[in-house]
Amino acid sequence: MASTLRTPERGSSRLFGALTARQWIGSVLLLGAAAIILAVFVVLIARVLVSLGPIREFLTAYPGEYALPAAAPVGIPAWLGWQHFLNSLFLLLVIRSGLQFRRQKRPDAFWSPRGNKRRRISLALWFHQAIDVLWVANGVIYIVLLFATGQWMRVVPTSWDVFPNAVSAALQYAALDWPTENGWVNYNSLQQLSYFAITFIAAPLAIVTGVRLSGIWPKDAERLSRLLPAEWARRIHFPVMLFFVVFIAVHVFLVLATGALRNLNHMYAARGSVDPDAFATDPTGLLLFAASLLVMAAAWIAARPRVLIPVARLFGDIRQR
């Protein structure tokens, strides 16, 4: 009987998902070119706008930031640097495990709680949910410390002036005439709104929809399930993850492009000054940032079944294919 399996034609490209490697490269190049053209167009429009008299007056009235309350602390404490690193690490692994789970068709292993072997989830889903727990725990500690130390005034808007100042900062960024800033003292309003949205909107959305899609959601909670159907949770959860990815990309780019050494000293070494030029040549923050990248790269590489299975066995039973 003739075989029903098709032999790949000679010279055909290997498939990566639904596309070949050549198609992926072509798509990336095409999207990259479109992004560059769009960016140039945005910059030209922004430069024309900021040259107009009324817009210049607007930028003068709203320079991009407003004065914080008198009680607002100055500086970034060491605990905030550790929180930033741990949040980055856990979020990276949340994204990695989420993508792995979405594209996985035949899991290498399954995890079951010891008391309920009938409940079985893939190893990738177990890892995703385990990292979620660490990320949420770290977030709770962050929120508690944020309000206990007064640092909340740096990320929670305290004046309606935040909105026109955010528009001003966006125009300045778009025109490549970036606003003068010193994150050690105050974030510009666009940064503040972004950090607020990540902390108090995107993160809770990711948590609530993630819980809805997980096994810990109570099956007999009919009213709650009607309020948040699983299908709606799926439609929200993945776009929220994409929002995190875009935020991380823009955040890292701006940190490096607006005074890398100074910004990294603020974020990783808790070193800064009211003088925006201070610590602009100190490599301490850069070295700590490089070390954190090595840790995150090692965690990314280690997040594979060979390493995860022994860890998962500590919390349940593993069944491999």
Protein backbone atom coordinates (compact mmCIF):
# COMPACT_ATOMS: atom_id res chain seq x y z
CA MET A 1 0.00 0.00 0.00
CA ALA A 2 1.34 3.39 -0.96
CA SER A 3 2.48 5.60 1.90
CA THR A 4 0.26 8.57 2.69
CA LEU A 5 3.18 10.54 4.12
CA ARG A 6 4.44 13.37 1.93
CA THR A 7 8.16 13.68 1.45
CA PRO A 8 9.31 17.29 1.54
CA GLU A 9 10.46 18.51 -1.84
CA ARG A 10 14.17 19.08 -2.24
CA GLY A 11 15.09 22.65 -1.52
CA SER A 12 11.94 23.34 0.49
CA SER A 13 12.38 25.45 3.62
CA ARG A 14 11.77 24.17 7.11
CA LEU A 15 8.51 25.33 8.65
CA PHE A 16 8.53 27.50 11.76
CA GLY A 17 4.87 27.59 12.79
CA ALA A 18 2.76 28.39 9.75
CA LEU A 19 5.61 30.08 7.85
CA THR A 20 8.96 29.02 6.47
CA ALA A 21 12.19 30.59 7.70
CA ARG A 22 12.40 32.63 4.50
CA GLN A 23 8.84 33.91 4.98
CA TRP A 24 9.59 34.83 8.60
CA ILE A 25 12.69 36.79 7.57
CA GLY A 26 10.77 38.55 4.81
CA SER A 27 7.93 39.43 7.18
CA VAL A 28 10.32 40.81 9.80
CA LEU A 29 12.17 42.91 7.20
CA LEU A 30 8.90 44.21 5.77
CA LEU A 31 7.50 45.10 9.19
CA GLY A 32 10.81 46.71 10.17
CA ALA A 33 10.83 48.88 7.06
CA ALA A 34 7.20 49.89 7.66
CA ALA A 35 8.01 50.76 11.29
CA ILE A 36 10.96 52.95 10.22
CA ILE A 37 8.84 54.79 7.64
CA LEU A 38 6.07 55.32 10.21
CA ALA A 39 8.59 56.57 12.80
CA VAL A 40 10.08 59.08 10.33
CA PHE A 41 6.58 60.30 9.46
CA VAL A 42 5.68 60.74 13.16
CA VAL A 43 8.91 62.65 13.86
CA LEU A 44 8.33 65.02 10.90
CA ILE A 45 4.74 65.73 11.96
CA ALA A 46 5.82 66.29 15.59
CA ARG A 47 8.59 68.69 14.55
CA VAL A 48 6.14 70.72 12.51
CA LEU A 49 3.71 70.84 15.44
CA VAL A 50 6.26 71.95 18.05
CA SER A 51 7.40 74.76 15.73
CA LEU A 52 3.93 76.35 15.80
CA GLY A 53 3.39 79.28 18.16
CA PRO A 54 0.39 77.90 20.09
CA ILE A 55 2.14 74.55 20.60
CA ARG A 56 5.31 76.27 21.84
CA GLU A 57 3.19 78.20 24.34
CA PHE A 58 1.57 74.92 25.42
CA LEU A 59 4.99 73.31 25.93
CA THR A 60 6.10 76.29 27.99
CA ALA A 61 3.01 76.14 30.20
CA TYR A 62 3.26 72.34 30.53
CA PRO A 63 6.94 71.32 30.30
CA GLY A 64 6.22 67.60 30.73
CA GLU A 65 6.08 67.23 34.51
CA TYR A 66 4.41 68.86 37.49
CA ALA A 67 5.60 69.41 41.05
CA LEU A 68 5.06 66.48 43.41
CA PRO A 69 3.51 66.98 46.85
CA ALA A 70 5.90 68.41 49.44
CA ALA A 71 5.88 65.11 51.32
CA ALA A 72 7.04 63.11 48.29
CA PRO A 73 10.37 61.34 48.91
CA VAL A 74 13.42 62.14 46.82
CA GLY A 75 15.45 59.26 45.48
CA ILE A 76 14.99 55.59 44.69
CA PRO A 77 15.60 53.26 47.66
CA ALA A 78 17.51 49.98 47.36
CA TRP A 79 14.38 47.89 47.94
CA LEU A 80 12.83 49.42 44.82
CA GLY A 81 15.85 48.33 42.78
CA TRP A 82 15.48 44.76 44.01
CA GLN A 83 11.76 44.86 43.31
CA HIS A 84 12.46 46.14 39.81
CA PHE A 85 14.90 43.30 39.11
CA LEU A 86 12.65 40.57 40.53
CA ASN A 87 9.63 41.94 38.68
CA SER A 88 11.64 41.96 35.43
CA LEU A 89 12.83 38.39 36.01
CA PHE A 90 9.41 37.00 36.88
CA LEU A 91 7.67 38.90 34.09
CA LEU A 92 10.20 37.61 31.56
CA LEU A 93 9.51 34.04 32.67
CA VAL A 94 5.75 34.64 32.70
CA ILE A 95 5.94 35.77 29.07
CA ARG A 96 8.24 32.90 28.10
CA SER A 97 6.08 30.22 29.74
CA GLY A 98 2.88 31.80 28.40
CA LEU A 99 4.15 31.76 24.82
CA GLN A 100 5.45 28.22 25.27
CA PHE A 101 2.08 27.06 26.57
CA ARG A 102 0.18 28.75 23.72
CA ARG A 103 2.20 27.13 20.95
CA GLN A 104 2.67 23.73 22.58
CA LYS A 105 0.63 20.96 20.93
CA ARG A 106 2.11 17.83 22.53
CA PRO A 107 3.38 18.53 26.07
CA ASP A 108 6.51 16.68 27.13
CA ALA A 109 5.18 16.12 30.65
CA PHE A 110 2.11 16.61 32.81
CA TRP A 111 1.83 17.73 36.42
CA SER A 112 -0.79 16.64 38.95
CA PRO A 113 -1.23 17.59 42.61
CA ARG A 114 -0.48 14.68 44.92
CA GLY A 115 -3.96 14.72 46.41
CA ASN A 116 -5.79 14.80 43.08
CA LYS A 117 -4.14 12.86 40.27
CA ARG A 118 -7.27 13.23 38.16
CA ARG A 119 -6.42 16.89 37.71
CA ARG A 120 -3.63 17.10 35.15
CA ILE A 121 -2.04 20.10 33.46
CA SER A 122 0.94 20.39 31.15
CA LEU A 123 4.35 21.12 32.63
CA ALA A 124 4.44 24.42 30.70
CA LEU A 125 1.13 25.51 32.25
CA TRP A 126 2.34 24.48 35.72
CA PHE A 127 5.49 26.56 35.26
CA HIS A 128 3.45 29.51 33.99
CA GLN A 129 1.17 29.40 37.03
CA ALA A 130 4.06 28.86 39.47
CA ILE A 131 5.89 31.92 38.13
CA ASP A 132 2.61 33.83 38.27
CA VAL A 133 2.43 33.13 42.00
CA LEU A 134 5.96 34.49 42.52
CA TRP A 135 5.20 37.53 40.35
CA VAL A 136 2.00 38.28 42.27
CA ALA A 137 3.75 37.83 45.64
CA ASN A 138 6.50 40.20 44.57
CA GLY A 139 3.85 42.67 43.38
CA VAL A 140 2.03 42.58 46.71
CA ILE A 141 5.29 43.33 48.55
CA TYR A 142 5.95 46.17 46.10
CA ILE A 143 2.51 47.74 46.64
CA VAL A 144 2.82 47.51 50.44
CA LEU A 145 6.26 49.13 50.43
CA LEU A 146 5.16 51.70 47.85
CA PHE A 147 2.46 53.08 50.15
CA ALA A 148 4.38 52.52 53.39
CA THR A 149 7.32 54.66 52.22
CA GLY A 150 5.49 57.39 50.32
CA GLN A 151 6.97 56.28 46.99
CA TRP A 152 3.41 55.98 45.67
CA MET A 153 3.40 59.76 45.08
CA ARG A 154 5.96 59.23 42.34
CA VAL A 155 3.80 56.79 40.32
CA VAL A 156 0.21 57.76 41.25
CA PRO A 157 -0.95 61.05 39.70
CA THR A 158 -1.73 63.68 42.33
CA SER A 159 -2.80 66.49 39.97
CA TRP A 160 -4.95 66.81 36.85
CA ASP A 161 -1.93 68.56 35.31
CA VAL A 162 -0.57 65.08 34.66
CA PHE A 163 -2.60 64.85 31.45
CA PRO A 164 -1.50 68.02 29.60
CA ASN A 165 2.05 67.39 30.81
CA ALA A 166 1.88 63.84 29.44
CA VAL A 167 0.78 65.22 26.05
CA SER A 168 3.69 67.67 26.21
CA ALA A 169 6.18 64.92 27.03
CA ALA A 170 4.81 62.76 24.20
CA LEU A 171 5.23 65.63 21.71
CA GLN A 172 8.80 66.22 22.88
CA TYR A 173 9.66 62.53 22.58
CA ALA A 174 8.08 62.33 19.13
CA ALA A 175 10.00 65.41 17.95
CA LEU A 176 13.26 63.89 19.29
CA ASP A 177 13.62 66.94 21.53
CA TRP A 178 13.30 64.79 24.63
CA PRO A 179 12.19 66.40 27.89
CA THR A 180 14.86 67.14 30.48
CA GLU A 181 14.27 64.70 33.30
CA ASN A 182 15.80 63.38 36.48
CA GLY A 183 14.03 60.23 37.58
CA TRP A 184 15.80 60.44 40.93
CA VAL A 185 13.59 63.42 41.80
CA ASN A 186 10.51 63.13 39.60
CA TYR A 187 9.24 61.17 36.60
CA ASN A 188 7.79 63.06 33.68
CA SER A 189 4.02 62.78 33.39
CA LEU A 190 4.08 60.30 30.50
CA GLN A 191 6.31 58.01 32.55
CA GLN A 192 4.08 58.41 35.59
CA LEU A 193 0.93 57.48 33.67
CA SER A 194 2.73 54.51 32.08
CA TYR A 195 3.97 53.20 35.44
CA PHE A 196 0.53 53.74 36.97
CA ALA A 197 -1.15 51.84 34.11
CA ILE A 198 1.29 48.94 34.38
CA THR A 199 0.98 48.67 38.16
CA PHE A 200 -2.69 49.35 38.79
CA ILE A 201 -4.43 48.43 35.52
CA ALA A 202 -2.45 45.97 33.37
CA ALA A 203 -1.09 43.85 36.23
CA PRO A 204 -4.50 43.40 37.93
CA LEU A 205 -6.07 42.56 34.55
CA ALA A 206 -3.39 39.94 33.92
CA ILE A 207 -3.90 38.47 37.40
CA VAL A 208 -7.71 38.36 37.30
CA THR A 209 -7.93 36.90 33.80
CA GLY A 210 -5.12 34.46 34.59
CA VAL A 211 -6.96 33.21 37.67
CA ARG A 212 -10.15 32.89 35.60
CA LEU A 213 -8.37 30.64 33.14
CA SER A 214 -6.54 28.60 35.77
CA GLY A 215 -7.59 25.55 37.72
CA ILE A 216 -8.00 27.49 40.97
CA TRP A 217 -11.10 29.28 39.65
CA PRO A 218 -14.07 27.82 41.60
CA LYS A 219 -16.16 25.73 39.22
CA ASP A 220 -19.34 26.23 41.23
CA ALA A 221 -19.09 30.05 41.22
CA GLU A 222 -21.77 30.52 38.57
CA ARG A 223 -22.35 34.22 39.24
CA LEU A 224 -18.63 35.03 39.08
CA SER A 225 -18.28 32.96 35.91
CA ARG A 226 -21.11 34.89 34.28
CA LEU A 227 -19.48 38.20 35.27
CA LEU A 228 -16.20 37.12 33.67
CA PRO A 229 -16.72 34.39 31.07
CA ALA A 230 -13.66 32.33 30.20
CA GLU A 231 -13.84 33.45 26.57
CA TRP A 232 -13.62 37.12 27.60
CA ALA A 233 -10.71 36.32 29.90
CA ARG A 234 -8.84 34.73 26.98
CA ARG A 235 -9.50 37.78 24.81
CA ILE A 236 -8.07 40.06 27.48
CA HIS A 237 -5.18 37.98 28.85
CA PHE A 238 -3.07 37.69 25.70
CA PRO A 239 -3.37 41.37 24.60
CA VAL A 240 -2.37 42.40 28.14
CA MET A 241 0.76 40.28 27.74
CA LEU A 242 1.49 42.02 24.43
CA PHE A 243 1.06 45.37 26.21
CA PHE A 244 3.71 44.29 28.73
CA VAL A 245 6.05 43.31 25.89
CA VAL A 246 5.64 46.69 24.15
CA PHE A 247 6.08 48.53 27.45
CA ILE A 248 9.28 46.63 28.24
CA ALA A 249 10.74 47.33 24.77
CA VAL A 250 9.98 51.08 24.94
CA HIS A 251 11.06 51.31 28.58
CA VAL A 252 14.44 49.68 27.97
CA PHE A 253 15.04 51.78 24.86
CA LEU A 254 14.34 55.06 26.66
CA VAL A 255 16.41 54.07 29.71
CA LEU A 256 19.40 53.47 27.46
CA ALA A 257 18.78 56.45 25.15
CA THR A 258 18.18 59.16 27.77
CA GLY A 259 21.33 58.79 29.86
CA ALA A 260 22.05 55.10 30.30
CA LEU A 261 24.63 55.26 33.09
CA ARG A 262 22.66 57.79 35.13
CA ASN A 263 19.36 55.90 34.72
CA LEU A 264 20.90 52.51 35.51
CA ASN A 265 22.51 53.94 38.64
CA HIS A 266 19.08 55.12 39.76
CA MET A 267 17.35 51.82 39.04
CA TYR A 268 19.98 49.24 39.97
CA ALA A 269 22.40 50.89 42.37
CA ALA A 270 20.11 53.32 44.25
CA ARG A 271 22.61 56.07 43.45
CA GLY A 272 21.49 59.49 42.32
CA SER A 273 21.31 63.20 43.04
CA VAL A 274 19.14 66.24 42.52
CA ASP A 275 21.86 67.23 40.05
CA PRO A 276 20.83 65.49 36.80
CA ASP A 277 24.46 65.32 35.64
CA ALA A 278 25.62 63.41 38.71
CA PHE A 279 26.49 59.72 38.30
CA ALA A 280 26.41 60.19 34.51
CA THR A 281 29.79 58.44 34.20
CA ASP A 282 29.58 56.00 37.13
CA PRO A 283 29.55 52.39 35.79
CA THR A 284 28.13 50.76 38.96
CA GLY A 285 24.55 50.61 37.71
CA LEU A 286 25.68 49.32 34.31
CA LEU A 287 27.63 46.47 35.92
CA LEU A 288 24.64 45.49 38.07
CA PHE A 289 22.38 45.70 35.02
CA ALA A 290 24.74 43.43 33.06
CA ALA A 291 24.74 40.95 35.95
CA SER A 292 20.93 41.00 36.01
CA LEU A 293 20.83 40.28 32.28
CA LEU A 294 23.07 37.25 32.81
CA VAL A 295 20.74 35.97 35.53
CA MET A 296 17.68 36.47 33.32
CA ALA A 297 19.39 34.79 30.35
CA ALA A 298 20.33 31.83 32.56
CA ALA A 299 16.75 31.59 33.84
CA TRP A 300 15.40 31.72 30.27
CA ILE A 301 17.71 28.88 29.19
CA ALA A 302 17.01 26.83 32.32
CA ALA A 303 13.23 27.01 31.84
CA ARG A 304 13.05 23.71 30.00
CA PRO A 305 11.68 20.25 30.95
CA ARG A 306 15.07 18.83 32.01
CA VAL A 307 15.30 21.46 34.75
CA LEU A 308 11.61 22.00 35.46
CA ILE A 309 10.64 18.35 36.01
CA PRO A 310 12.73 17.83 39.20
CA VAL A 311 11.41 21.13 40.57
CA ALA A 312 7.79 20.28 39.70
CA ARG A 313 8.16 16.91 41.44
CA LEU A 314 8.69 18.76 44.73
CA PHE A 315 5.11 20.05 44.51
CA GLY A 316 3.27 17.19 42.81
CA ASP A 317 3.48 14.18 40.54
CA ILE A 318 4.97 14.22 37.04
CA ARG A 319 3.98 11.98 34.19
CA GLN A 320 6.18 12.04 31.13
CA ARG A 321 5.38 10.87 27.64
